[in-house]
């Protein structure tokens, strides 16, 4: 294989399923506003996503009841929209994390057999 990097399509597919899990895991640690969450995700190479990906995902998670959103005013600063994990979101995180671990273990097993 000449190119050692995945093309954008493959990279996006890998990330797509993992982003919900990653965002819920971040919000389990603490409530965060959008840019704060984006910066936290950007600490990880595989989670370098644009704002245009994060905010629709947060809107969907809010509609699904996994996350709540509230505006917070801090002194004279402009208000920020904070996102927080709900009890339902926490339950979903536990289920998704278990499924993630099973999937990773299964794929690792397949890779061990094929390499």
PDB file of N, CA and C in Angstrom:
ATOM      1  N   UNK A   1       0.850  -1.171   0.000  1.00  0.00           N
ATOM      2  CA  UNK A   1       0.000   0.000   0.000  1.00  0.00           C
ATOM      3  C   UNK A   1       0.898   1.236   0.000  1.00  0.00           C
ATOM      4  N   UNK A   2       0.770   2.057  -1.011  1.00  0.00           N
ATOM      5  CA  UNK A   2       1.643   3.219  -1.168  1.00  0.00           C
ATOM      6  C   UNK A   2       1.356   4.291  -0.115  1.00  0.00           C
ATOM      7  N   UNK A   3       0.087   4.574   0.127  1.00  0.00           N
ATOM      8  CA  UNK A   3      -0.292   5.611   1.075  1.00  0.00           C
ATOM      9  C   UNK A   3      -0.583   4.976   2.431  1.00  0.00           C
ATOM     10  N   UNK A   4       0.134   5.407   3.449  1.00  0.00           N
ATOM     11  CA  UNK A   4      -0.014   4.824   4.786  1.00  0.00           C
ATOM     12  C   UNK A   4      -1.194   5.421   5.558  1.00  0.00           C
ATOM     13  N   UNK A   5      -1.790   6.501   5.045  1.00  0.00           N
ATOM     14  CA  UNK A   5      -2.921   7.126   5.717  1.00  0.00           C
ATOM     15  C   UNK A   5      -4.224   6.673   5.069  1.00  0.00           C
ATOM     16  N   UNK A   6      -5.263   6.590   5.888  1.00  0.00           N
ATOM     17  CA  UNK A   6      -6.587   6.293   5.357  1.00  0.00           C
ATOM     18  C   UNK A   6      -7.112   7.512   4.612  1.00  0.00           C
ATOM     19  N   UNK A   7      -7.875   7.267   3.552  1.00  0.00           N
ATOM     20  CA  UNK A   7      -8.489   8.421   2.899  1.00  0.00           C
ATOM     21  C   UNK A   7      -9.640   8.926   3.780  1.00  0.00           C
ATOM     22  N   UNK A   8     -10.109  10.104   3.466  1.00  0.00           N
ATOM     23  CA  UNK A   8     -11.125  10.757   4.284  1.00  0.00           C
ATOM     24  C   UNK A   8     -12.382   9.942   4.488  1.00  0.00           C
ATOM     25  N   UNK A   9     -12.806   9.223   3.455  1.00  0.00           N
ATOM     26  CA  UNK A   9     -14.030   8.433   3.545  1.00  0.00           C
ATOM     27  C   UNK A   9     -13.898   7.344   4.613  1.00  0.00           C
ATOM     28  N   UNK A  10     -12.801   6.613   4.588  1.00  0.00           N
ATOM     29  CA  UNK A  10     -12.582   5.540   5.566  1.00  0.00           C
ATOM     30  C   UNK A  10     -12.439   6.109   6.967  1.00  0.00           C
ATOM     31  N   UNK A  11     -11.690   7.192   7.076  1.00  0.00           N
ATOM     32  CA  UNK A  11     -11.474   7.820   8.372  1.00  0.00           C
ATOM     33  C   UNK A  11     -12.802   8.288   8.964  1.00  0.00           C
ATOM     34  N   UNK A  12     -13.637   8.895   8.143  1.00  0.00           N
ATOM     35  CA  UNK A  12     -14.939   9.379   8.602  1.00  0.00           C
ATOM     36  C   UNK A  12     -15.816   8.227   9.068  1.00  0.00           C
ATOM     37  N   UNK A  13     -15.784   7.116   8.349  1.00  0.00           N
ATOM     38  CA  UNK A  13     -16.580   5.952   8.741  1.00  0.00           C
ATOM     39  C   UNK A  13     -16.133   5.400  10.093  1.00  0.00           C
ATOM     40  N   UNK A  14     -14.837   5.337  10.316  1.00  0.00           N
ATOM     41  CA  UNK A  14     -14.332   4.871  11.607  1.00  0.00           C
ATOM     42  C   UNK A  14     -14.829   5.767  12.741  1.00  0.00           C
ATOM     43  N   UNK A  15     -14.754   7.066  12.514  1.00  0.00           N
ATOM     44  CA  UNK A  15     -15.121   8.024  13.551  1.00  0.00           C
ATOM     45  C   UNK A  15     -16.617   8.099  13.793  1.00  0.00           C
ATOM     46  N   UNK A  16     -17.388   7.907  12.743  1.00  0.00           N
ATOM     47  CA  UNK A  16     -18.826   8.143  12.808  1.00  0.00           C
ATOM     48  C   UNK A  16     -19.488   7.406  13.971  1.00  0.00           C
ATOM     49  N   UNK A  17     -19.251   6.132  14.075  1.00  0.00           N
ATOM     50  CA  UNK A  17     -19.876   5.358  15.141  1.00  0.00           C
ATOM     51  C   UNK A  17     -19.301   5.637  16.509  1.00  0.00           C
ATOM     52  N   UNK A  18     -18.076   6.091  16.552  1.00  0.00           N
ATOM     53  CA  UNK A  18     -17.400   6.296  17.832  1.00  0.00           C
ATOM     54  C   UNK A  18     -17.685   7.665  18.446  1.00  0.00           C
ATOM     55  N   UNK A  19     -18.140   8.617  17.657  1.00  0.00           N
ATOM     56  CA  UNK A  19     -18.304   9.979  18.169  1.00  0.00           C
ATOM     57  C   UNK A  19     -19.351  10.097  19.268  1.00  0.00           C
ATOM     58  N   UNK A  20     -20.481   9.418  19.118  1.00  0.00           N
ATOM     59  CA  UNK A  20     -21.496   9.464  20.170  1.00  0.00           C
ATOM     60  C   UNK A  20     -20.892   8.991  21.484  1.00  0.00           C
ATOM     61  N   UNK A  21     -20.200   7.869  21.425  1.00  0.00           N
ATOM     62  CA  UNK A  21     -19.567   7.308  22.613  1.00  0.00           C
ATOM     63  C   UNK A  21     -18.552   8.288  23.199  1.00  0.00           C
ATOM     64  N   UNK A  22     -17.728   8.875  22.363  1.00  0.00           N
ATOM     65  CA  UNK A  22     -16.702   9.812  22.834  1.00  0.00           C
ATOM     66  C   UNK A  22     -17.328  11.041  23.495  1.00  0.00           C
ATOM     67  N   UNK A  23     -18.360  11.596  22.887  1.00  0.00           N
ATOM     68  CA  UNK A  23     -19.010  12.789  23.440  1.00  0.00           C
ATOM     69  C   UNK A  23     -19.692  12.460  24.763  1.00  0.00           C
ATOM     70  N   UNK A  24     -20.398  11.344  24.818  1.00  0.00           N
ATOM     71  CA  UNK A  24     -21.048  10.955  26.071  1.00  0.00           C
ATOM     72  C   UNK A  24     -20.012  10.723  27.171  1.00  0.00           C
ATOM     73  N   UNK A  25     -18.889  10.107  26.815  1.00  0.00           N
ATOM     74  CA  UNK A  25     -17.826   9.860  27.800  1.00  0.00           C
ATOM     75  C   UNK A  25     -17.257  11.180  28.330  1.00  0.00           C
ATOM     76  N   UNK A  26     -17.081  12.155  27.455  1.00  0.00           N
ATOM     77  CA  UNK A  26     -16.590  13.473  27.892  1.00  0.00           C
ATOM     78  C   UNK A  26     -17.574  14.128  28.852  1.00  0.00           C
ATOM     79  N   UNK A  27     -18.850  14.061  28.501  1.00  0.00           N
ATOM     80  CA  UNK A  27     -19.864  14.718  29.321  1.00  0.00           C
ATOM     81  C   UNK A  27     -20.119  13.974  30.628  1.00  0.00           C
ATOM     82  N   UNK A  28     -19.723  12.727  30.701  1.00  0.00           N
ATOM     83  CA  UNK A  28     -19.788  11.980  31.966  1.00  0.00           C
ATOM     84  C   UNK A  28     -18.805  12.590  32.964  1.00  0.00           C
ATOM     85  N   UNK A  29     -17.672  13.068  32.465  1.00  0.00           N
ATOM     86  CA  UNK A  29     -16.645  13.660  33.324  1.00  0.00           C
ATOM     87  C   UNK A  29     -17.111  14.988  33.920  1.00  0.00           C
ATOM     88  N   UNK A  30     -17.744  15.810  33.086  1.00  0.00           N
ATOM     89  CA  UNK A  30     -18.240  17.117  33.538  1.00  0.00           C
ATOM     90  C   UNK A  30     -19.098  17.736  32.452  1.00  0.00           C
ATOM     91  N   UNK A  31     -19.949  18.671  32.837  1.00  0.00           N
ATOM     92  CA  UNK A  31     -20.711  19.409  31.827  1.00  0.00           C
ATOM     93  C   UNK A  31     -19.733  20.317  31.089  1.00  0.00           C
ATOM     94  N   UNK A  32     -19.998  20.538  29.813  1.00  0.00           N
ATOM     95  CA  UNK A  32     -19.086  21.344  29.001  1.00  0.00           C
ATOM     96  C   UNK A  32     -19.880  22.162  27.998  1.00  0.00           C
ATOM     97  N   UNK A  33     -19.315  23.296  27.614  1.00  0.00           N
ATOM     98  CA  UNK A  33     -19.884  24.052  26.502  1.00  0.00           C
ATOM     99  C   UNK A  33     -19.230  23.543  25.220  1.00  0.00           C
ATOM    100  N   UNK A  34     -19.811  23.857  24.096  1.00  0.00           N
ATOM    101  CA  UNK A  34     -19.400  23.265  22.825  1.00  0.00           C
ATOM    102  C   UNK A  34     -17.923  23.370  22.502  1.00  0.00           C
ATOM    103  N   UNK A  35     -17.366  24.577  22.575  1.00  0.00           N
ATOM    104  CA  UNK A  35     -15.953  24.755  22.230  1.00  0.00           C
ATOM    105  C   UNK A  35     -15.047  24.019  23.216  1.00  0.00           C
ATOM    106  N   UNK A  36     -15.429  24.004  24.475  1.00  0.00           N
ATOM    107  CA  UNK A  36     -14.672  23.273  25.495  1.00  0.00           C
ATOM    108  C   UNK A  36     -14.650  21.781  25.160  1.00  0.00           C
ATOM    109  N   UNK A  37     -15.797  21.257  24.771  1.00  0.00           N
ATOM    110  CA  UNK A  37     -15.902  19.849  24.391  1.00  0.00           C
ATOM    111  C   UNK A  37     -15.065  19.563  23.145  1.00  0.00           C
ATOM    112  N   UNK A  38     -15.146  20.447  22.170  1.00  0.00           N
ATOM    113  CA  UNK A  38     -14.367  20.284  20.940  1.00  0.00           C
ATOM    114  C   UNK A  38     -12.869  20.269  21.249  1.00  0.00           C
ATOM    115  N   UNK A  39     -12.420  21.188  22.078  1.00  0.00           N
ATOM    116  CA  UNK A  39     -11.003  21.234  22.458  1.00  0.00           C
ATOM    117  C   UNK A  39     -10.586  19.971  23.205  1.00  0.00           C
ATOM    118  N   UNK A  40     -11.473  19.456  24.043  1.00  0.00           N
ATOM    119  CA  UNK A  40     -11.169  18.215  24.772  1.00  0.00           C
ATOM    120  C   UNK A  40     -11.029  17.041  23.795  1.00  0.00           C
ATOM    121  N   UNK A  41     -11.932  16.943  22.841  1.00  0.00           N
ATOM    122  CA  UNK A  41     -11.858  15.877  21.834  1.00  0.00           C
ATOM    123  C   UNK A  41     -10.581  15.994  21.010  1.00  0.00           C
ATOM    124  N   UNK A  42     -10.169  17.213  20.725  1.00  0.00           N
ATOM    125  CA  UNK A  42      -8.988  17.443  19.880  1.00  0.00           C
ATOM    126  C   UNK A  42      -7.676  17.050  20.546  1.00  0.00           C
ATOM    127  N   UNK A  43      -7.736  16.661  21.801  1.00  0.00           N
ATOM    128  CA  UNK A  43      -6.543  16.123  22.467  1.00  0.00           C
ATOM    129  C   UNK A  43      -6.211  14.727  21.941  1.00  0.00           C
ATOM    130  N   UNK A  44      -7.151  14.147  21.210  1.00  0.00           N
ATOM    131  CA  UNK A  44      -7.007  12.783  20.701  1.00  0.00           C
ATOM    132  C   UNK A  44      -6.979  12.818  19.176  1.00  0.00           C
ATOM    133  N   UNK A  45      -5.930  12.270  18.615  1.00  0.00           N
ATOM    134  CA  UNK A  45      -5.688  12.304  17.163  1.00  0.00           C
ATOM    135  C   UNK A  45      -6.896  11.843  16.345  1.00  0.00           C
ATOM    136  N   UNK A  46      -7.537  10.769  16.771  1.00  0.00           N
ATOM    137  CA  UNK A  46      -8.633  10.209  15.976  1.00  0.00           C
ATOM    138  C   UNK A  46      -9.946  10.971  16.151  1.00  0.00           C
ATOM    139  N   UNK A  47      -9.965  11.970  17.023  1.00  0.00           N
ATOM    140  CA  UNK A  47     -11.196  12.715  17.279  1.00  0.00           C
ATOM    141  C   UNK A  47     -11.095  14.179  16.861  1.00  0.00           C
ATOM    142  N   UNK A  48     -10.265  14.447  15.867  1.00  0.00           N
ATOM    143  CA  UNK A  48     -10.122  15.807  15.338  1.00  0.00           C
ATOM    144  C   UNK A  48     -11.278  16.089  14.379  1.00  0.00           C
ATOM    145  N   UNK A  49     -12.369  16.578  14.923  1.00  0.00           N
ATOM    146  CA  UNK A  49     -13.573  16.825  14.132  1.00  0.00           C
ATOM    147  C   UNK A  49     -13.830  18.327  14.044  1.00  0.00           C
ATOM    148  N   UNK A  50     -14.520  18.754  12.993  1.00  0.00           N
ATOM    149  CA  UNK A  50     -14.862  20.175  12.886  1.00  0.00           C
ATOM    150  C   UNK A  50     -16.101  20.514  13.718  1.00  0.00           C
ATOM    151  N   UNK A  51     -16.261  21.801  14.008  1.00  0.00           N
ATOM    152  CA  UNK A  51     -17.445  22.264  14.737  1.00  0.00           C
ATOM    153  C   UNK A  51     -18.720  21.828  14.027  1.00  0.00           C
ATOM    154  N   UNK A  52     -18.678  21.841  12.706  1.00  0.00           N
ATOM    155  CA  UNK A  52     -19.848  21.478  11.915  1.00  0.00           C
ATOM    156  C   UNK A  52     -20.282  20.036  12.091  1.00  0.00           C
ATOM    157  N   UNK A  53     -19.443  19.227  12.676  1.00  0.00           N
ATOM    158  CA  UNK A  53     -19.807  17.848  13.004  1.00  0.00           C
ATOM    159  C   UNK A  53     -20.321  17.766  14.435  1.00  0.00           C
ATOM    160  N   UNK A  54     -19.683  18.501  15.338  1.00  0.00           N
ATOM    161  CA  UNK A  54     -20.024  18.402  16.759  1.00  0.00           C
ATOM    162  C   UNK A  54     -21.411  18.947  17.078  1.00  0.00           C
ATOM    163  N   UNK A  55     -21.736  20.136  16.594  1.00  0.00           N
ATOM    164  CA  UNK A  55     -22.977  20.772  17.026  1.00  0.00           C
ATOM    165  C   UNK A  55     -24.238  20.037  16.562  1.00  0.00           C
ATOM    166  N   UNK A  56     -24.307  19.531  15.343  1.00  0.00           N
ATOM    167  CA  UNK A  56     -25.469  18.712  14.986  1.00  0.00           C
ATOM    168  C   UNK A  56     -25.558  17.435  15.836  1.00  0.00           C
ATOM    169  N   UNK A  57     -24.412  16.860  16.176  1.00  0.00           N
ATOM    170  CA  UNK A  57     -24.400  15.669  17.021  1.00  0.00           C
ATOM    171  C   UNK A  57     -24.951  16.009  18.412  1.00  0.00           C
ATOM    172  N   UNK A  58     -24.528  17.142  18.973  1.00  0.00           N
ATOM    173  CA  UNK A  58     -25.046  17.564  20.280  1.00  0.00           C
ATOM    174  C   UNK A  58     -26.543  17.840  20.219  1.00  0.00           C
ATOM    175  N   UNK A  59     -27.007  18.447  19.130  1.00  0.00           N
ATOM    176  CA  UNK A  59     -28.446  18.690  18.965  1.00  0.00           C
ATOM    177  C   UNK A  59     -29.216  17.372  18.939  1.00  0.00           C
ATOM    178  N   UNK A  60     -28.689  16.391  18.218  1.00  0.00           N
ATOM    179  CA  UNK A  60     -29.358  15.085  18.145  1.00  0.00           C
ATOM    180  C   UNK A  60     -29.379  14.400  19.507  1.00  0.00           C
ATOM    181  N   UNK A  61     -28.246  14.421  20.211  1.00  0.00           N
ATOM    182  CA  UNK A  61     -28.188  13.797  21.537  1.00  0.00           C
ATOM    183  C   UNK A  61     -29.157  14.482  22.502  1.00  0.00           C
ATOM    184  N   UNK A  62     -29.338  15.787  22.340  1.00  0.00           N
ATOM    185  CA  UNK A  62     -30.292  16.526  23.166  1.00  0.00           C
ATOM    186  C   UNK A  62     -31.718  16.098  22.832  1.00  0.00           C
ATOM    187  N   UNK A  63     -32.044  16.018  21.549  1.00  0.00           N
ATOM    188  CA  UNK A  63     -33.389  15.583  21.132  1.00  0.00           C
ATOM    189  C   UNK A  63     -33.697  14.175  21.624  1.00  0.00           C
ATOM    190  N   UNK A  64     -32.677  13.319  21.668  1.00  0.00           N
ATOM    191  CA  UNK A  64     -32.862  11.936  22.120  1.00  0.00           C
ATOM    192  C   UNK A  64     -32.924  11.822  23.644  1.00  0.00           C
ATOM    193  N   UNK A  65     -32.731  12.926  24.348  1.00  0.00           N
ATOM    194  CA  UNK A  65     -32.818  12.915  25.801  1.00  0.00           C
ATOM    195  C   UNK A  65     -31.574  12.386  26.502  1.00  0.00           C
ATOM    196  N   UNK A  66     -30.481  12.240  25.757  1.00  0.00           N
ATOM    197  CA  UNK A  66     -29.237  11.726  26.343  1.00  0.00           C
ATOM    198  C   UNK A  66     -28.420  12.841  26.985  1.00  0.00           C
ATOM    199  N   UNK A  67     -28.694  14.065  26.550  1.00  0.00           N
ATOM    200  CA  UNK A  67     -27.952  15.241  26.993  1.00  0.00           C
ATOM    201  C   UNK A  67     -28.957  16.370  27.208  1.00  0.00           C
ATOM    202  N   UNK A  68     -28.693  17.212  28.189  1.00  0.00           N
ATOM    203  CA  UNK A  68     -29.480  18.440  28.335  1.00  0.00           C
ATOM    204  C   UNK A  68     -28.587  19.621  27.979  1.00  0.00           C
ATOM    205  N   UNK A  69     -29.223  20.689  27.555  1.00  0.00           N
ATOM    206  CA  UNK A  69     -28.496  21.906  27.196  1.00  0.00           C
ATOM    207  C   UNK A  69     -29.081  23.063  27.991  1.00  0.00           C
ATOM    208  N   UNK A  70     -28.206  23.902  28.544  1.00  0.00           N
ATOM    209  CA  UNK A  70     -28.679  25.080  29.268  1.00  0.00           C
ATOM    210  C   UNK A  70     -27.697  26.229  29.071  1.00  0.00           C
ATOM    211  N   UNK A  71     -28.268  27.420  28.975  1.00  0.00           N
ATOM    212  CA  UNK A  71     -27.445  28.620  28.806  1.00  0.00           C
ATOM    213  C   UNK A  71     -27.001  29.112  30.171  1.00  0.00           C
ATOM    214  N   UNK A  72     -25.715  29.452  30.282  1.00  0.00           N
ATOM    215  CA  UNK A  72     -25.156  29.942  31.543  1.00  0.00           C
ATOM    216  C   UNK A  72     -24.431  31.257  31.281  1.00  0.00           C
ATOM    217  N   UNK A  73     -24.772  32.255  32.079  1.00  0.00           N
ATOM    218  CA  UNK A  73     -24.131  33.568  32.003  1.00  0.00           C
ATOM    219  C   UNK A  73     -23.071  33.632  33.098  1.00  0.00           C
ATOM    220  N   UNK A  74     -21.842  33.945  32.726  1.00  0.00           N
ATOM    221  CA  UNK A  74     -20.741  34.061  33.687  1.00  0.00           C
ATOM    222  C   UNK A  74     -20.265  35.510  33.713  1.00  0.00           C
ATOM    223  N   UNK A  75     -20.806  36.278  34.638  1.00  0.00           N
ATOM    224  CA  UNK A  75     -20.428  37.686  34.747  1.00  0.00           C
ATOM    225  C   UNK A  75     -20.767  38.464  33.490  1.00  0.00           C
ATOM    226  N   UNK A  76     -19.789  39.211  32.991  1.00  0.00           N
ATOM    227  CA  UNK A  76     -19.995  40.038  31.804  1.00  0.00           C
ATOM    228  C   UNK A  76     -19.733  39.288  30.505  1.00  0.00           C
ATOM    229  N   UNK A  77     -19.260  38.060  30.615  1.00  0.00           N
ATOM    230  CA  UNK A  77     -18.979  37.277  29.407  1.00  0.00           C
ATOM    231  C   UNK A  77     -20.293  36.915  28.723  1.00  0.00           C
ATOM    232  N   UNK A  78     -20.198  36.620  27.446  1.00  0.00           N
ATOM    233  CA  UNK A  78     -21.423  36.221  26.754  1.00  0.00           C
ATOM    234  C   UNK A  78     -21.857  34.835  27.243  1.00  0.00           C
ATOM    235  N   UNK A  79     -23.161  34.578  27.216  1.00  0.00           N
ATOM    236  CA  UNK A  79     -23.657  33.291  27.717  1.00  0.00           C
ATOM    237  C   UNK A  79     -23.113  32.121  26.892  1.00  0.00           C
ATOM    238  N   UNK A  80     -22.934  31.005  27.561  1.00  0.00           N
ATOM    239  CA  UNK A  80     -22.477  29.788  26.892  1.00  0.00           C
ATOM    240  C   UNK A  80     -23.517  28.698  27.085  1.00  0.00           C
ATOM    241  N   UNK A  81     -23.655  27.888  26.051  1.00  0.00           N
ATOM    242  CA  UNK A  81     -24.586  26.769  26.113  1.00  0.00           C
ATOM    243  C   UNK A  81     -23.823  25.553  26.620  1.00  0.00           C
ATOM    244  N   UNK A  82     -24.174  25.105  27.811  1.00  0.00           N
ATOM    245  CA  UNK A  82     -23.526  23.948  28.423  1.00  0.00           C
ATOM    246  C   UNK A  82     -24.342  22.692  28.160  1.00  0.00           C
ATOM    247  N   UNK A  83     -23.630  21.601  27.962  1.00  0.00           N
ATOM    248  CA  UNK A  83     -24.250  20.302  27.729  1.00  0.00           C
ATOM    249  C   UNK A  83     -23.893  19.389  28.889  1.00  0.00           C
ATOM    250  N   UNK A  84     -24.891  18.609  29.320  1.00  0.00           N
ATOM    251  CA  UNK A  84     -24.705  17.740  30.473  1.00  0.00           C
ATOM    252  C   UNK A  84     -25.379  16.394  30.207  1.00  0.00           C
ATOM    253  N   UNK A  85     -24.762  15.339  30.666  1.00  0.00           N
ATOM    254  CA  UNK A  85     -25.285  13.986  30.491  1.00  0.00           C
ATOM    255  C   UNK A  85     -26.509  13.793  31.382  1.00  0.00           C
ATOM    256  N   UNK A  86     -27.564  13.201  30.839  1.00  0.00           N
ATOM    257  CA  UNK A  86     -28.749  12.865  31.632  1.00  0.00           C
ATOM    258  C   UNK A  86     -28.601  11.447  32.178  1.00  0.00           C
ATOM    259  N   UNK A  87     -29.539  11.040  33.020  1.00  0.00           N
ATOM    260  CA  UNK A  87     -29.532   9.666  33.540  1.00  0.00           C
ATOM    261  C   UNK A  87     -29.679   8.677  32.382  1.00  0.00           C
ATOM    262  N   UNK A  88     -30.538   8.999  31.426  1.00  0.00           N
ATOM    263  CA  UNK A  88     -30.711   8.136  30.248  1.00  0.00           C
ATOM    264  C   UNK A  88     -29.422   8.106  29.438  1.00  0.00           C
ATOM    265  N   UNK A  89     -28.766   9.252  29.321  1.00  0.00           N
ATOM    266  CA  UNK A  89     -27.488   9.317  28.614  1.00  0.00           C
ATOM    267  C   UNK A  89     -26.423   8.480  29.290  1.00  0.00           C
ATOM    268  N   UNK A  90     -26.429   8.475  30.610  1.00  0.00           N
ATOM    269  CA  UNK A  90     -25.474   7.663  31.355  1.00  0.00           C
ATOM    270  C   UNK A  90     -25.721   6.173  31.112  1.00  0.00           C
ATOM    271  N   UNK A  91     -26.988   5.776  31.103  1.00  0.00           N
ATOM    272  CA  UNK A  91     -27.327   4.376  30.806  1.00  0.00           C
ATOM    273  C   UNK A  91     -26.868   4.002  29.395  1.00  0.00           C
ATOM    274  N   UNK A  92     -27.110   4.888  28.446  1.00  0.00           N
ATOM    275  CA  UNK A  92     -26.696   4.644  27.058  1.00  0.00           C
ATOM    276  C   UNK A  92     -25.181   4.548  26.968  1.00  0.00           C
ATOM    277  N   UNK A  93     -24.469   5.392  27.703  1.00  0.00           N
ATOM    278  CA  UNK A  93     -23.008   5.349  27.721  1.00  0.00           C
ATOM    279  C   UNK A  93     -22.510   3.992  28.205  1.00  0.00           C
ATOM    280  N   UNK A  94     -23.098   3.472  29.256  1.00  0.00           N
ATOM    281  CA  UNK A  94     -22.697   2.160  29.787  1.00  0.00           C
ATOM    282  C   UNK A  94     -22.903   1.082  28.725  1.00  0.00           C
ATOM    283  N   UNK A  95     -24.057   1.108  28.057  1.00  0.00           N
ATOM    284  CA  UNK A  95     -24.350   0.116  27.015  1.00  0.00           C
ATOM    285  C   UNK A  95     -23.411   0.257  25.817  1.00  0.00           C
ATOM    286  N   UNK A  96     -23.206   1.487  25.369  1.00  0.00           N
ATOM    287  CA  UNK A  96     -22.318   1.718  24.224  1.00  0.00           C
ATOM    288  C   UNK A  96     -20.880   1.326  24.544  1.00  0.00           C
ATOM    289  N   UNK A  97     -20.429   1.625  25.756  1.00  0.00           N
ATOM    290  CA  UNK A  97     -19.059   1.277  26.150  1.00  0.00           C
ATOM    291  C   UNK A  97     -18.873  -0.239  26.170  1.00  0.00           C
ATOM    292  N   UNK A  98     -19.868  -0.956  26.674  1.00  0.00           N
ATOM    293  CA  UNK A  98     -19.787  -2.421  26.697  1.00  0.00           C
ATOM    294  C   UNK A  98     -19.743  -2.971  25.270  1.00  0.00           C
ATOM    295  N   UNK A  99     -20.597  -2.432  24.398  1.00  0.00           N
ATOM    296  CA  UNK A  99     -20.619  -2.887  23.005  1.00  0.00           C
ATOM    297  C   UNK A  99     -19.302  -2.549  22.317  1.00  0.00           C
ATOM    298  N   UNK A 100     -18.770  -1.362  22.591  1.00  0.00           N
ATOM    299  CA  UNK A 100     -17.490  -0.940  22.012  1.00  0.00           C
ATOM    300  C   UNK A 100     -16.396  -1.933  22.388  1.00  0.00           C
ATOM    301  N   UNK A 101     -16.315  -2.271  23.666  1.00  0.00           N
ATOM    302  CA  UNK A 101     -15.273  -3.192  24.138  1.00  0.00           C
ATOM    303  C   UNK A 101     -15.415  -4.570  23.493  1.00  0.00           C
ATOM    304  N   UNK A 102     -16.651  -5.050  23.358  1.00  0.00           N
ATOM    305  CA  UNK A 102     -16.889  -6.340  22.688  1.00  0.00           C
ATOM    306  C   UNK A 102     -16.422  -6.284  21.236  1.00  0.00           C
ATOM    307  N   UNK A 103     -16.784  -5.223  20.553  1.00  0.00           N
ATOM    308  CA  UNK A 103     -16.429  -5.066  19.142  1.00  0.00           C
ATOM    309  C   UNK A 103     -14.920  -4.989  18.960  1.00  0.00           C
ATOM    310  N   UNK A 104     -14.259  -4.196  19.789  1.00  0.00           N
ATOM    311  CA  UNK A 104     -12.799  -4.078  19.704  1.00  0.00           C
ATOM    312  C   UNK A 104     -12.149  -5.433  19.946  1.00  0.00           C
ATOM    313  N   UNK A 105     -12.629  -6.170  20.947  1.00  0.00           N
ATOM    314  CA  UNK A 105     -12.067  -7.495  21.242  1.00  0.00           C
ATOM    315  C   UNK A 105     -12.273  -8.445  20.066  1.00  0.00           C
ATOM    316  N   UNK A 106     -13.452  -8.414  19.470  1.00  0.00           N
ATOM    317  CA  UNK A 106     -13.730  -9.288  18.321  1.00  0.00           C
ATOM    318  C   UNK A 106     -12.845  -8.939  17.129  1.00  0.00           C
ATOM    319  N   UNK A 107     -12.708  -7.663  16.838  1.00  0.00           N
ATOM    320  CA  UNK A 107     -11.876  -7.245  15.705  1.00  0.00           C
ATOM    321  C   UNK A 107     -10.413  -7.569  15.974  1.00  0.00           C
ATOM    322  N   UNK A 108      -9.951  -7.354  17.195  1.00  0.00           N
ATOM    323  CA  UNK A 108      -8.573  -7.716  17.553  1.00  0.00           C
ATOM    324  C   UNK A 108      -8.340  -9.208  17.328  1.00  0.00           C
ATOM    325  N   UNK A 109      -9.311 -10.017  17.701  1.00  0.00           N
ATOM    326  CA  UNK A 109      -9.203 -11.464  17.501  1.00  0.00           C
ATOM    327  C   UNK A 109      -9.099 -11.797  16.014  1.00  0.00           C
ATOM    328  N   UNK A 110      -9.937 -11.172  15.208  1.00  0.00           N
ATOM    329  CA  UNK A 110      -9.886 -11.391  13.759  1.00  0.00           C
ATOM    330  C   UNK A 110      -8.547 -10.946  13.179  1.00  0.00           C
ATOM    331  N   UNK A 111      -8.052  -9.807  13.629  1.00  0.00           N
ATOM    332  CA  UNK A 111      -6.767  -9.312  13.134  1.00  0.00           C
ATOM    333  C   UNK A 111      -5.629 -10.246  13.527  1.00  0.00           C
ATOM    334  N   UNK A 112      -5.669 -10.768  14.728  1.00  0.00           N
ATOM    335  CA  UNK A 112      -4.637 -11.710  15.175  1.00  0.00           C
ATOM    336  C   UNK A 112      -4.619 -12.951  14.282  1.00  0.00           C
ATOM    337  N   UNK A 113      -5.798 -13.413  13.902  1.00  0.00           N
ATOM    338  CA  UNK A 113      -5.908 -14.607  13.064  1.00  0.00           C
ATOM    339  C   UNK A 113      -5.438 -14.348  11.636  1.00  0.00           C
ATOM    340  N   UNK A 114      -5.593 -13.120  11.171  1.00  0.00           N
ATOM    341  CA  UNK A 114      -5.305 -12.841   9.761  1.00  0.00           C
ATOM    342  C   UNK A 114      -3.908 -12.282   9.518  1.00  0.00           C
ATOM    343  N   UNK A 115      -3.165 -11.980  10.548  1.00  0.00           N
ATOM    344  CA  UNK A 115      -1.855 -11.346  10.330  1.00  0.00           C
ATOM    345  C   UNK A 115      -0.728 -12.214  10.815  1.00  0.00           C
TER     346      UNK A 115
END
